[in-house]
Structure formats: C-alpha cells, structure tokens
C-alpha cells in the first residue's frame, strides 16, 4: 500500500512540475498573451479550417491545463460522431452528402486522434494542435 502511494505521489509531482518549471514573471506572460492574441487573429484570417483551441484563450497554466484536458477528453470520446453530423449538416444546407460523408470521416479521425494528443499533452500547455472546425 505504501509503495502504491509513493508511485501516485511521484506521478502527481511529474504532472505538476511542467507548470512550476514554466512559471514566468507577470510581465513576460502579458507579452506572450498579447502575441498569442495577434497570432490567433492572423491565423483566423488565412486558414478557415483550423481554429485555435478554446482552452488556449484561458489565463494561467492551471486553467489552460484543465481546459486542454476537458477538450481532449470530449474530442477523444465524441470525435467519431462527426461521421454522422457532417453528412446531416451537408444535406440540411443543400451541399453534397457524399462530400459530407468524406468530410465526416476525415474530421472524425482527426478529432479523435487530436483529442488523444491533447489528453496526452495536457500538462504542456504551449503545445496546441488545432482540430478541424474547432473540434467537436
């Protein structure tokens, strides 16, 4: 029992350590935030398919890590639903349903794999993998 508790404590310390190691002064974080805002604005003008993840707009490492974990879990568990929602949206808007099936298959695989990547890398908040259409 004591051995298991020690392992749990070591794993928790490993999860917390990137946040402590990457802690910066308040001024440096403000500069980084303003640059990220500029970067996300310019990205949205040039690329219509990839959007920055919603958790990246959170303030502070803890909020970003929590948001990234929830975003990854949601996309990992629900990414496969794109196979059904994309053709439905295509039919509803009068577009090609076969194209919607292909887009749904592509987005489903990308959302599921991208969600798993977000789950694995949630303690490392500078790593953001934008998902097609912003994920699920």
Protein backbone atom coordinates (compact mmCIF):
# COMPACT_ATOMS: atom_id res chain seq x y z
CA UNK A 1 0.00 0.00 0.00
CA UNK A 2 2.81 2.41 0.86
CA UNK A 3 4.55 1.60 -2.41
CA UNK A 4 1.40 2.48 -4.41
CA UNK A 5 1.02 5.76 -2.53
CA UNK A 6 4.61 6.65 -3.38
CA UNK A 7 4.01 5.90 -7.06
CA UNK A 8 0.87 8.07 -7.06
CA UNK A 9 2.79 10.93 -5.45
CA UNK A 10 5.60 10.67 -8.00
CA UNK A 11 3.13 10.70 -10.91
CA UNK A 12 1.34 13.73 -9.43
CA UNK A 13 4.65 15.52 -8.99
CA UNK A 14 5.53 14.79 -12.63
CA UNK A 15 2.22 16.26 -13.78
CA UNK A 16 2.65 19.41 -11.71
CA UNK A 17 6.33 20.02 -12.48
CA UNK A 18 5.91 21.48 -16.01
CA UNK A 19 3.72 24.25 -14.59
CA UNK A 20 6.26 25.08 -11.92
CA UNK A 21 9.18 24.90 -14.35
CA UNK A 22 7.45 27.13 -16.91
CA UNK A 23 6.28 29.75 -14.42
CA UNK A 24 7.24 33.21 -15.62
CA UNK A 25 7.00 36.71 -14.36
CA UNK A 26 3.75 38.59 -14.82
CA UNK A 27 5.19 40.93 -17.46
CA UNK A 28 6.50 38.12 -19.63
CA UNK A 29 3.12 36.37 -19.53
CA UNK A 30 1.36 39.59 -20.57
CA UNK A 31 3.70 39.97 -23.55
CA UNK A 32 3.15 36.35 -24.53
CA UNK A 33 -0.62 36.70 -24.25
CA UNK A 34 -0.69 39.76 -26.48
CA UNK A 35 1.43 37.98 -29.09
CA UNK A 36 -0.81 34.90 -28.94
CA UNK A 37 -3.85 37.12 -29.49
CA UNK A 38 -2.20 38.66 -32.55
CA UNK A 39 -1.17 35.24 -33.80
CA UNK A 40 -4.68 33.78 -33.45
CA UNK A 41 -6.21 36.79 -35.24
CA UNK A 42 -3.85 36.47 -38.19
CA UNK A 43 -4.36 32.70 -38.29
CA UNK A 44 -8.14 33.03 -38.47
CA UNK A 45 -7.87 35.34 -41.49
CA UNK A 46 -5.69 32.99 -43.51
CA UNK A 47 -6.93 29.50 -42.61
CA UNK A 48 -10.65 28.81 -42.42
CA UNK A 49 -10.39 25.13 -41.45
CA UNK A 50 -8.05 25.19 -38.44
CA UNK A 51 -9.03 27.27 -35.43
CA UNK A 52 -7.07 27.76 -32.24
CA UNK A 53 -8.33 25.59 -29.41
CA UNK A 54 -10.74 27.26 -26.99
CA UNK A 55 -8.67 26.37 -23.92
CA UNK A 56 -5.71 28.38 -25.28
CA UNK A 57 -7.56 31.63 -24.52
CA UNK A 58 -7.70 30.83 -20.78
CA UNK A 59 -5.45 32.70 -18.36
CA UNK A 60 -2.96 30.79 -16.24
CA UNK A 61 -1.39 27.39 -16.56
CA UNK A 62 -3.91 25.60 -14.32
CA UNK A 63 -6.93 26.85 -16.26
CA UNK A 64 -5.30 26.04 -19.58
CA UNK A 65 -4.29 22.53 -18.47
CA UNK A 66 -7.79 21.84 -17.13
CA UNK A 67 -9.37 23.18 -20.32
CA UNK A 68 -6.98 21.22 -22.53
CA UNK A 69 -7.75 18.01 -20.64
CA UNK A 70 -11.52 18.51 -20.95
CA UNK A 71 -11.21 19.47 -24.63
CA UNK A 72 -9.10 16.36 -25.32
CA UNK A 73 -11.47 14.06 -23.45
CA UNK A 74 -14.50 15.45 -25.28
CA UNK A 75 -12.88 15.07 -28.71
CA UNK A 76 -11.47 11.62 -27.95
CA UNK A 77 -14.83 10.30 -26.80
CA UNK A 78 -17.09 12.12 -29.29
CA UNK A 79 -14.89 12.58 -32.36
CA UNK A 80 -16.48 9.62 -34.12
CA UNK A 81 -19.85 11.42 -34.17
CA UNK A 82 -18.55 13.65 -36.98
CA UNK A 83 -19.21 10.71 -39.31
CA UNK A 84 -22.94 11.34 -38.76
CA UNK A 85 -23.14 15.07 -38.12
CA UNK A 86 -21.21 16.23 -41.20
CA UNK A 87 -23.45 14.42 -43.76
CA UNK A 88 -26.53 15.65 -41.88
CA UNK A 89 -25.29 19.25 -41.99
CA UNK A 90 -24.43 18.85 -45.69
CA UNK A 91 -27.91 17.56 -46.51
CA UNK A 92 -29.56 20.26 -44.41
CA UNK A 93 -27.67 23.06 -46.17
CA UNK A 94 -28.12 21.58 -49.67
CA UNK A 95 -24.49 20.56 -50.19
CA UNK A 96 -23.20 17.23 -51.50
CA UNK A 97 -23.93 14.45 -48.97
CA UNK A 98 -21.11 12.23 -50.31
CA UNK A 99 -18.70 15.09 -49.65
CA UNK A 100 -20.19 15.38 -46.16
CA UNK A 101 -19.51 11.68 -45.55
CA UNK A 102 -15.89 12.10 -46.64
CA UNK A 103 -15.51 15.25 -44.54
CA UNK A 104 -17.15 13.49 -41.59
CA UNK A 105 -14.78 10.54 -41.87
CA UNK A 106 -11.75 12.83 -42.09
CA UNK A 107 -12.90 15.11 -39.25
CA UNK A 108 -13.88 12.14 -37.09
CA UNK A 109 -10.45 10.57 -37.35
CA UNK A 110 -8.69 13.92 -36.89
CA UNK A 111 -10.86 14.90 -33.88
CA UNK A 112 -10.40 11.53 -32.17
CA UNK A 113 -6.63 11.40 -32.74
CA UNK A 114 -6.22 15.10 -31.95
CA UNK A 115 -8.26 14.70 -28.77
CA UNK A 116 -6.00 11.84 -27.69
CA UNK A 117 -2.97 14.04 -28.38
CA UNK A 118 -4.50 16.82 -26.25
CA UNK A 119 -5.12 14.33 -23.43
CA UNK A 120 -1.53 13.08 -23.50
CA UNK A 121 -0.01 16.57 -23.65
CA UNK A 122 -2.40 18.43 -21.34
CA UNK A 123 0.34 19.42 -18.83
CA UNK A 124 2.33 21.04 -21.65
CA UNK A 125 0.06 23.97 -22.46
CA UNK A 126 2.27 25.70 -25.08
CA UNK A 127 1.59 22.73 -27.39
CA UNK A 128 -1.67 23.33 -29.25
CA UNK A 129 -2.88 21.11 -32.06
CA UNK A 130 -5.79 22.90 -33.78
CA UNK A 131 -8.52 20.48 -34.83
CA UNK A 132 -10.63 20.76 -38.00
CA UNK A 133 -13.59 23.12 -37.49
CA UNK A 134 -12.52 23.63 -33.86
CA UNK A 135 -13.17 20.01 -32.82
CA UNK A 136 -16.43 18.56 -31.54
